[in-house]
Structure formats: structure tokens, C-alpha cells
Protein backbone atom coordinates (compact mmCIF):
# COMPACT_ATOMS: atom_id res chain seq x y z
CA MET A 1 -29.13 -25.19 1.57
CA SER A 2 -29.82 -21.65 1.37
CA PHE A 3 -29.43 -19.01 -2.04
CA ILE A 4 -30.22 -16.45 -4.33
CA LYS A 5 -29.38 -17.07 -7.97
CA VAL A 6 -29.39 -14.80 -10.86
CA SER A 7 -28.91 -16.59 -13.99
CA LEU A 8 -28.28 -14.28 -16.97
CA GLU A 9 -28.05 -15.25 -20.52
CA GLY A 10 -24.67 -14.94 -22.91
CA ASP A 11 -22.32 -16.75 -24.21
CA PHE A 12 -19.70 -15.83 -21.59
CA LEU A 13 -15.77 -17.39 -21.50
CA GLU A 14 -15.11 -14.84 -18.56
CA VAL A 15 -17.39 -13.05 -15.89
CA PHE A 16 -16.50 -10.41 -13.17
CA LEU A 17 -18.27 -8.08 -10.84
CA TYR A 18 -16.51 -5.00 -9.55
CA SER A 19 -18.28 -1.88 -7.63
CA GLY A 20 -21.48 -2.37 -9.51
CA ILE A 21 -20.41 -3.16 -12.89
CA LEU A 22 -20.23 -6.27 -13.85
CA PHE A 23 -17.43 -7.39 -16.81
CA THR A 24 -17.78 -10.05 -19.25
CA VAL A 25 -15.68 -11.62 -22.32
CA ASP A 26 -17.60 -13.22 -24.75
CA THR A 27 -16.56 -16.17 -27.15
CA LYS A 28 -15.45 -13.80 -30.03
CA GLY A 29 -12.28 -11.92 -27.46
CA LEU A 30 -14.79 -9.27 -26.51
CA LEU A 31 -14.68 -7.62 -23.10
CA THR A 32 -17.79 -5.27 -22.33
CA THR A 33 -19.25 -3.60 -19.28
CA CYS A 34 -22.78 -3.52 -18.27
CA ASN A 35 -24.33 -1.80 -15.22
CA PHE A 36 -24.81 -4.95 -13.21
CA LYS A 37 -27.05 -2.71 -10.29
CA GLU A 38 -29.06 -1.11 -12.79
CA LEU A 39 -29.90 -4.24 -14.79
CA ILE A 40 -31.52 -5.72 -11.35
CA GLU A 41 -32.80 -2.80 -10.63
CA ASN A 42 -35.15 -2.47 -13.88
CA TYR A 43 -35.68 -6.30 -13.59
CA MET A 44 -37.58 -5.94 -10.65
CA VAL A 45 -39.09 -3.08 -11.42
CA LYS A 46 -40.89 -3.90 -15.04
CA ASN A 47 -41.43 -7.48 -13.57
CA ASN A 48 -43.09 -6.57 -10.17
CA PHE A 49 -40.78 -8.76 -8.19
CA LYS A 50 -42.03 -9.20 -5.30
CA ASN A 51 -38.76 -10.10 -3.13
CA SER A 52 -37.04 -7.09 -4.16
CA ASN A 53 -35.93 -5.98 -1.01
CA ILE A 54 -34.21 -9.56 -0.30
CA LEU A 55 -32.41 -8.95 -3.99
CA LYS A 56 -31.38 -5.92 -3.11
CA LYS A 57 -29.91 -6.75 0.37
CA TYR A 58 -28.09 -9.91 -0.65
CA ILE A 59 -27.14 -9.58 -4.60
CA LEU A 60 -26.16 -6.06 -4.61
CA ASN A 61 -25.09 -5.96 -0.76
CA GLU A 62 -24.89 -1.92 -0.85
CA ASN A 63 -24.25 -1.61 2.83
CA LYS A 64 -21.12 -3.92 2.27
CA VAL A 65 -21.41 -6.25 5.14
CA LYS A 66 -20.67 -10.13 5.67
CA GLN A 67 -23.59 -11.80 5.54
CA THR A 68 -25.35 -15.06 5.52
CA TYR A 69 -28.67 -16.05 3.25
CA LEU A 70 -30.64 -18.38 5.20
CA GLY A 71 -34.26 -17.90 3.86
CA GLU A 72 -36.04 -19.69 0.94
CA ASN A 73 -34.12 -20.03 -2.49
CA ILE A 74 -34.45 -17.34 -4.94
CA GLU A 75 -33.75 -17.69 -8.82
CA LEU A 76 -34.28 -15.06 -11.26
CA ASN A 77 -33.64 -15.33 -15.14
CA ILE A 78 -32.71 -12.68 -17.38
CA ASP A 79 -32.75 -13.28 -20.95
CA LYS A 80 -30.63 -11.63 -23.42
CA ASP A 81 -33.55 -9.64 -25.17
CA PHE A 82 -33.88 -7.90 -21.75
CA ILE A 83 -30.14 -7.20 -21.16
CA ASN A 84 -29.75 -5.98 -24.49
CA LYS A 85 -32.75 -3.70 -23.78
CA ASN A 86 -31.59 -2.75 -19.98
CA CYS A 87 -27.92 -1.95 -20.39
CA THR A 88 -25.44 0.66 -21.54
CA PHE A 89 -22.48 -1.36 -23.00
CA ASN A 90 -19.07 -0.29 -22.92
CA SER A 91 -16.87 -2.66 -25.31
CA VAL A 92 -13.07 -3.58 -26.34
CA PRO A 93 -12.13 -6.41 -28.49
CA LEU A 94 -8.86 -8.27 -26.79
CA ASN A 95 -8.44 -10.42 -29.89
CA VAL A 96 -7.50 -13.10 -27.86
CA TRP A 97 -9.26 -15.75 -25.79
CA PRO A 98 -8.09 -15.47 -21.87
CA THR A 99 -6.89 -17.56 -19.53
CA ASP A 100 -7.34 -14.99 -16.40
CA LEU A 101 -8.88 -11.98 -15.26
CA ASP A 102 -8.33 -9.60 -12.12
CA ILE A 103 -9.73 -6.04 -11.63
CA LYS A 104 -7.25 -4.03 -9.14
CA SER A 105 -7.27 -0.09 -8.93
CA ASN A 106 -9.66 0.60 -12.03
CA THR A 107 -7.72 -1.68 -14.08
CA VAL A 108 -8.25 -4.73 -16.17
CA TYR A 109 -5.74 -7.59 -16.05
CA ILE A 110 -5.91 -10.02 -18.89
CA SER A 111 -3.95 -13.18 -18.83
CA SER A 112 -3.58 -15.45 -21.91
CA GLU A 113 -1.27 -17.23 -24.39
CA ARG A 114 0.57 -13.77 -25.47
CA GLY A 115 1.11 -12.57 -21.95
CA VAL A 116 -0.53 -10.19 -19.49
CA ASP A 117 -2.52 -7.24 -21.07
CA ILE A 118 -4.02 -4.37 -19.47
CA ILE A 119 -6.72 -1.97 -19.57
CA PRO A 120 -7.17 1.11 -17.00
CA PHE A 121 -10.56 2.48 -17.25
CA GLU A 122 -12.60 5.78 -16.14
CA TRP A 123 -15.47 5.97 -14.28
CA LYS A 124 -18.53 8.23 -16.13
CA VAL A 125 -22.28 8.20 -14.68
CA ASN A 126 -23.41 4.80 -14.15
CA SER A 127 -20.69 3.31 -16.22
CA ILE A 128 -16.84 2.64 -17.09
CA SER A 129 -14.80 4.08 -20.36
CA PHE A 130 -11.95 2.21 -21.98
CA PRO A 131 -9.03 3.74 -23.78
CA LYS A 132 -8.23 2.94 -27.35
CA GLU A 133 -5.08 1.10 -26.48
CA ILE A 134 -4.48 -2.10 -24.66
CA LYS A 135 -1.05 -2.15 -22.62
CA ASN A 136 0.93 -5.08 -22.58
CA ILE A 137 2.87 -5.70 -19.50
CA TRP A 138 4.38 -9.43 -20.11
CA ASP A 139 4.68 -11.00 -23.24
CA ASP A 140 7.74 -13.56 -22.71
CA THR A 141 5.46 -16.68 -21.95
CA LYS A 142 1.68 -17.98 -21.67
CA VAL A 143 0.56 -17.06 -18.24
CA PHE A 144 -2.75 -19.32 -17.02
CA ASN A 145 -3.36 -17.23 -13.65
CA LEU A 146 -2.58 -13.98 -12.13
CA SER A 147 -3.49 -12.27 -9.18
CA THR A 148 -2.09 -8.29 -8.14
CA GLY A 149 -1.16 -6.77 -4.87
CA SER A 150 -0.14 -2.96 -4.02
CA TRP A 151 2.03 -1.23 -5.76
CA GLY A 152 1.51 -2.69 -9.29
CA ARG A 153 3.20 -5.90 -8.01
CA THR A 154 1.95 -8.79 -10.03
CA ILE A 155 2.16 -12.43 -9.69
CA LEU A 156 1.84 -14.96 -12.38
CA ALA A 157 1.45 -18.22 -12.70
CA ALA A 158 3.12 -19.18 -15.92
CA GLY A 159 2.80 -23.03 -16.67
CA LYS A 160 6.36 -24.44 -16.75
CA GLU A 161 7.95 -21.36 -16.81
CA GLY A 162 7.01 -21.36 -12.84
CA ALA A 163 5.61 -18.25 -11.04
CA ILE A 164 6.97 -15.17 -11.73
CA GLU A 165 6.90 -11.16 -9.97
CA ILE A 166 6.37 -8.54 -12.00
CA PHE A 167 5.18 -4.80 -11.68
CA ASN A 168 2.87 -2.72 -13.47
CA ILE A 169 4.39 0.72 -13.93
CA TYR A 170 1.35 1.93 -15.25
CA ASP A 171 -0.16 1.67 -11.71
CA LYS A 172 -1.54 4.82 -10.40
CA TYR A 173 0.43 4.25 -7.13
CA TYR A 174 3.24 3.35 -8.62
CA ASN A 175 3.84 5.89 -11.14
CA ASN A 176 2.48 8.50 -8.34
CA VAL A 177 5.06 7.48 -5.33
CA ILE A 178 7.71 5.95 -6.90
CA ASN A 179 8.30 5.91 -10.55
CA ASP A 180 10.62 8.96 -10.16
CA PHE A 181 13.11 7.57 -7.78
CA TYR A 182 13.05 4.14 -8.87
CA GLN A 183 14.01 2.15 -11.84
CA LYS A 184 11.90 0.00 -13.41
CA PRO A 185 11.88 -3.55 -11.54
CA THR A 186 12.93 -6.82 -13.54
CA PRO A 187 10.94 -9.71 -13.72
CA LYS A 188 12.18 -12.69 -11.38
CA ILE A 189 11.21 -16.14 -10.89
CA ILE A 190 9.54 -16.55 -7.34
CA ALA A 191 9.10 -20.74 -7.93
CA ASN A 192 10.14 -23.03 -10.51
CA GLY A 193 8.36 -26.09 -11.58
CA THR A 194 4.95 -25.92 -13.13
CA TRP A 195 2.38 -23.71 -11.76
CA LEU A 196 -0.96 -22.87 -13.02
CA GLU A 197 -3.02 -20.91 -10.27
CA CYS A 198 -1.66 -18.30 -7.74
CA ASP A 199 -4.23 -17.35 -4.78
CA TRP A 200 -3.12 -14.29 -3.20
CA GLY A 201 -5.82 -11.62 -2.61
CA TYR A 202 -4.88 -8.79 -0.38
CA SER A 203 -2.74 -10.70 2.20
CA LYS A 204 1.01 -11.32 2.42
CA ILE A 205 0.74 -14.71 1.63
CA LEU A 206 0.57 -16.05 -1.57
CA VAL A 207 -0.07 -19.83 -2.87
CA LEU A 208 0.96 -21.73 -5.94
CA LYS A 209 -1.18 -24.43 -7.13
CA ASN A 210 -0.85 -26.90 -9.81
CA PHE A 211 -2.89 -30.56 -10.02
CA ASN A 212 -1.38 -32.09 -7.34
CA GLU A 213 1.03 -29.55 -5.36
CA GLN A 214 0.70 -26.45 -3.22
CA LYS A 215 3.48 -24.21 -2.29
CA ALA A 216 3.27 -20.64 0.00
CA PHE A 217 5.06 -17.80 0.82
CA LEU A 218 5.32 -14.70 3.05
CA PHE A 219 6.04 -11.18 1.72
CA GLU A 220 7.06 -8.60 4.00
CA ASN A 221 5.07 -5.77 5.23
CA THR A 222 5.13 -3.31 2.71
CA ALA A 223 3.81 0.52 3.47
CA LYS A 224 -0.07 1.47 2.85
CA GLN A 225 -0.46 3.20 -0.59
CA ASP A 226 -2.44 5.70 0.68
CA THR A 227 -0.56 6.32 3.84
CA LEU A 228 2.76 6.68 2.05
CA ASN A 229 0.42 9.09 -0.46
CA GLU A 230 -0.44 11.40 1.74
CA MET A 231 3.11 11.66 3.42
CA ARG A 232 4.58 12.73 0.23
CA GLU A 233 1.47 15.10 -0.40
CA GLU A 234 1.98 16.76 3.60
CA LYS A 235 5.37 16.61 3.06
CA ASN A 236 6.27 14.86 5.88
CA GLU A 237 9.81 14.54 7.14
CA LYS A 238 10.06 10.46 7.27
CA TYR A 239 8.48 10.08 3.51
CA GLU A 240 11.92 9.57 1.94
CA GLN A 241 12.60 7.24 4.81
CA SER A 242 9.57 5.41 4.23
CA LEU A 243 9.99 4.89 0.67
CA GLU A 244 13.01 3.39 0.74
CA GLU A 245 12.25 0.94 2.97
CA LEU A 246 9.09 0.01 0.38
CA ILE A 247 11.77 -0.57 -2.30
CA MET A 248 13.47 -2.52 -0.05
CA ASP A 249 10.59 -4.71 0.70
CA LEU A 250 9.35 -4.55 -3.26
CA ASP A 251 13.22 -6.07 -4.08
CA LYS A 252 12.93 -8.91 -1.24
CA ASP A 253 12.14 -12.39 -2.52
CA PRO A 254 9.21 -13.67 -0.65
CA LYS A 255 9.91 -16.39 2.33
CA TYR A 256 8.85 -19.92 1.59
CA ILE A 257 6.72 -21.08 4.74
CA ASN A 258 7.61 -24.76 4.72
CA LEU A 259 3.77 -26.36 5.52
CA THR A 260 5.54 -30.03 5.57
CA ASP A 261 2.31 -31.70 8.00
CA SER A 262 0.28 -34.86 5.81
CA PHE A 263 -2.52 -34.55 7.39
CA ILE A 264 -3.82 -31.63 5.82
CA VAL A 265 -4.93 -32.25 2.41
CA GLN A 266 -5.94 -28.84 0.87
CA TYR A 267 -5.67 -25.32 2.23
CA SER A 268 -6.00 -21.72 0.93
CA ILE A 269 -6.42 -18.10 1.95
CA ASN A 270 -8.82 -16.26 4.20
CA ASN A 271 -8.58 -13.04 5.69
CA GLY A 272 -4.95 -12.90 4.87
CA GLU A 273 -4.40 -16.57 6.74
CA ILE A 274 -3.78 -19.91 5.57
CA ILE A 275 -6.85 -22.45 6.47
CA GLY A 276 -6.32 -26.00 6.13
CA LEU A 277 -8.50 -28.81 5.94
CA ASP A 278 -7.76 -32.11 7.17
CA ASN A 279 -9.51 -35.76 5.69
CA SER A 280 -12.21 -35.37 8.35
CA GLY A 281 -13.05 -31.63 7.14
CA ASP A 282 -11.52 -29.67 10.70
CA ARG A 283 -10.77 -26.53 10.07
CA TYR A 284 -7.03 -25.45 11.05
CA LYS A 285 -5.12 -21.97 11.14
CA TYR A 286 -1.53 -21.81 10.25
CA ASN A 287 0.40 -19.96 12.68
CA ILE A 288 3.53 -18.86 11.35
CA SER A 289 5.22 -17.92 14.27
CA ASN A 290 4.97 -20.61 15.59
CA ASN A 291 5.51 -22.71 12.40
CA SER A 292 2.48 -25.02 13.40
CA TRP A 293 -1.24 -25.90 12.47
CA VAL A 294 -3.85 -25.17 14.96
CA LEU A 295 -7.20 -26.28 14.81
CA LYS A 296 -9.93 -23.64 14.82
CA LYS A 297 -13.09 -25.82 14.42
CA LYS A 298 -14.28 -29.41 14.52
CA ILE A 299 -16.37 -30.73 11.48
CA HIS A 300 -16.21 -34.50 11.00
CA ASN A 301 -17.70 -34.74 7.39
CA ASN A 302 -16.25 -38.05 5.95
CA CYS A 303 -18.66 -37.83 2.76
CA PHE A 304 -15.72 -35.58 0.75
CA PHE A 305 -12.66 -34.60 2.31
CA GLU A 306 -9.98 -36.78 0.54
CA GLY A 307 -8.13 -36.43 -2.83
CA ASN A 308 -7.39 -33.34 -4.65
CA PHE A 309 -10.00 -30.56 -4.65
CA GLU A 310 -9.95 -26.82 -5.35
CA MET A 311 -11.13 -24.53 -2.24
CA LYS A 312 -12.17 -20.80 -2.09
CA PHE A 313 -13.50 -19.19 0.75
CA ILE A 314 -16.99 -16.72 1.20
CA SER A 315 -18.07 -15.54 4.73
CA SER A 316 -20.61 -17.89 4.87
CA GLY A 317 -18.90 -21.18 4.01
CA ILE A 318 -16.25 -22.80 1.24
CA VAL A 319 -16.83 -23.47 -2.27
CA MET A 320 -15.17 -26.22 -3.64
CA GLU A 321 -14.07 -28.40 -6.75
CA ARG A 322 -13.82 -31.84 -6.84
CA ASN A 323 -13.50 -34.05 -10.35
CA GLU A 324 -15.35 -31.35 -12.07
CA VAL A 325 -18.16 -31.02 -9.52
CA ILE A 326 -18.57 -27.54 -7.58
CA TYR A 327 -19.80 -28.22 -3.97
CA ILE A 328 -20.60 -25.66 -1.02
CA ASP A 329 -19.90 -26.16 2.48
CA LYS A 330 -22.25 -23.65 4.29
CA MET A 331 -22.75 -24.19 7.89
CA ASN A 332 -21.16 -27.50 7.84
CA ASN A 333 -23.61 -28.99 5.24
CA ILE A 334 -21.73 -30.13 2.12
CA ASP A 335 -24.62 -29.42 -1.55
CA GLU A 336 -23.40 -29.53 -4.83
CA ILE A 337 -23.96 -26.87 -6.98
CA GLU A 338 -23.37 -27.29 -10.55
CA ASN A 339 -21.54 -30.38 -12.78
CA ASP A 340 -21.79 -28.70 -15.86
CA PHE A 341 -19.60 -25.29 -16.15
CA ILE A 342 -16.47 -23.63 -17.71
CA LYS A 343 -15.41 -21.83 -14.94
CA TRP A 344 -16.15 -20.40 -11.44
CA ARG A 345 -15.02 -17.24 -9.51
CA VAL A 346 -15.87 -15.72 -6.14
CA PHE A 347 -14.71 -12.37 -4.79
CA PRO A 348 -12.39 -12.72 -1.49
CA ARG A 349 -11.25 -8.76 -1.55
CA SER A 350 -14.32 -7.42 -2.40
CA LYS A 351 -16.50 -5.31 0.12
CA ASN A 352 -19.94 -5.73 -2.04
CA TYR A 353 -19.47 -9.38 -3.54
CA ILE A 354 -17.73 -10.85 -0.42
CA ASN A 355 -20.47 -13.79 -0.05
CA HIS A 356 -21.13 -14.31 -4.18
CA MET A 357 -19.86 -16.64 -6.65
CA VAL A 358 -20.20 -16.36 -10.58
CA ILE A 359 -20.46 -19.62 -12.31
CA VAL A 360 -19.58 -19.66 -16.31
CA LYS A 361 -21.64 -21.98 -18.17
CA ASP A 362 -22.26 -22.46 -21.91
CA SER A 363 -24.92 -20.14 -22.85
CA VAL A 364 -25.80 -18.32 -18.89
CA VAL A 365 -23.79 -17.10 -15.91
CA ASP A 366 -25.57 -17.54 -12.43
CA VAL A 367 -24.53 -15.19 -9.83
CA TYR A 368 -24.96 -16.67 -6.59
CA ALA A 369 -25.68 -14.89 -3.12
CA PHE A 370 -25.11 -17.67 -0.05
């Protein structure tokens, strides 16, 4: 199994890659940014790194292409001293340990025991700047996991309080298009029960998960943000009608998808589709129109696919966690990646990091490209 790994020394709780910037939250609850691209390039120059072109192609992926690394394994270890000397840091104290972190439309979303906070940021040359004030958009319950969508719509996995839909009224598209016509929406429960994770990304499909249960929901098609904004600026006669249709769509509850076939042991979202695995590892796509699973690929790898496990898709395979061990299924071969970690994350809606995974460990974060 081939990979490239960059290990960054530091005590972190959360790590997120976004448009060339590394966002971290440390054990003191401090949210900090560093220019990841600049850090990697400085390291390669100062150490005469012989695989610079490969590292730029796969770790930075500035061409924003789907690709699979098939060469010899490459590993970099960047210590804290080098990071401190080669990063311009911007920080903001959260005063809380986050349970999850997401970034959408130049806004950081932080879930925690106090609910959900947001921090909009602005771009400067090779860095970003934070405002002085953190805004709270939800304080009714502890939130374990969150997922952001268009028009400020945000889904919260709030444990025993269920799965909750709220809107970030500070979202720039919400403000620019909806705010003048649409009163502040009331939060609503999408699903009762205990939910610890919500998987949505950029698709219409939402998957809720807890330790031994999953549920899937389908949202209506909503107008694209840029399209509706352009219609307003151009004073298109269809704008008001399109706006009304959007508001009606945002008001609707998502439709429950009854995925009842027992031979599917686990499913998740990949490129806007529900992909499931059976206990042999064969892959199926769920056809919503026909309410049925359709075989996509036969794998027959019986060494792994039984019992509960978590899975996420990257462009070259599937990352899975089972019994507190992380594996990757790449080119139909399953390999163990890590068995001592705090958290891991992939970036399914990113263009630069669609083939990446970050693993937060006790005193280091590993950034993989597969």
C-alpha cells in the first residue's frame, strides 16, 4: 500500500485543511491557523528534499485533480521548532474543547458542550484573520457532530436530543438573498433518538449514525447559491419565483429513506450517492427511484466486513475504523494505518484534499495522501 505522510509535531485535538491553510485546535482550546502550503514548501527548500515534485503533486494537489499515489512510501517529520519558525500564526481562544469542527464559506463551525459557535474569517496575503467576537448560533444542547450545507443550513447530531436542523443566519448567502424576505427559521428535530454523527457533505443525502444504527434522509433540490444571487443582481424576472421556491424547499422536512436490506452491513455517502457494503465487501449503490440496492463492484474480501465499523470515502478507496483501528481499502487491499489515535478526518467535498486523511495522535498529527 502506497502513501505519502507528513507528520507535524504538536498537541492537537482537532485538525482541518482548507484552501492551503491548516486549522488546529490545541489542548488549551486555542484555534490556530498556519499556511500549510508555505510550510511544506519551506521544508522542502531548506532540506533539499529530493521528492519535492511528488510532494507538491500529491500532498498540496494544487491542480485539484483526483489521483492515486502508487509509488514508494514517502514520510516527512516536521518538528515543532521548524513549524514555529516557518509559520505565521493567527489564533483565537475558544475556551472550550470542541467535539467537532467544520469549515464552509470562509466560516469555522465548532461544536461542543455549549452548542455551536461560528467564526467567520477574512483572507489576507497567504493567511487569514479572525474577528474579535465568536458568534453562538445554538446553545440549547451539547452537540457531538455537525455538518454544513448550502444557505446556512446546518445539521447537528445532539446525542439524546436527536438530530436537529438549524440555520446559520450569518451565512453570506443567507444574508445576501434570503434575509430580507424570510423570517428567522425555527430549529426543528429531523430524527428523534440518540445521534452521534451526521454525514452530509455537499449532497442532498443525510446519513445519521450512532453506535449500532443508521438512518438516511433525502433533502429537496434547492436552488444553487451563485445562480440565485446572479438572478437577483441581473434583476431576472424569475428571481422572486425562484426565491419563493427556495424558501418552500428549505422549510420542508427531509424525506426518510427506508434502507431495509439486511445484507448491507454498512453504508455512507460518496459523490452524492449512498454506497453500501455487504459482509464480503461487495459494493452497492442505492437507487432511490427504485428503492433498491444495485451491485457496483464485487470484492469478496472476507477478512474484514463483519460487525460494526465506520467508513468514509476518498478518491482512491475507503478509510475505515473498526475496534479503534484505522484501515484503508485501496485497490481492493485492506491495510492497517493506525491503532493509537485521538481522531481522524477526511475531506470529501474538498478539491485539494479529496485523497487525504488527517490522524490526530498524542503529540503529532499525520497528514496522509493515498
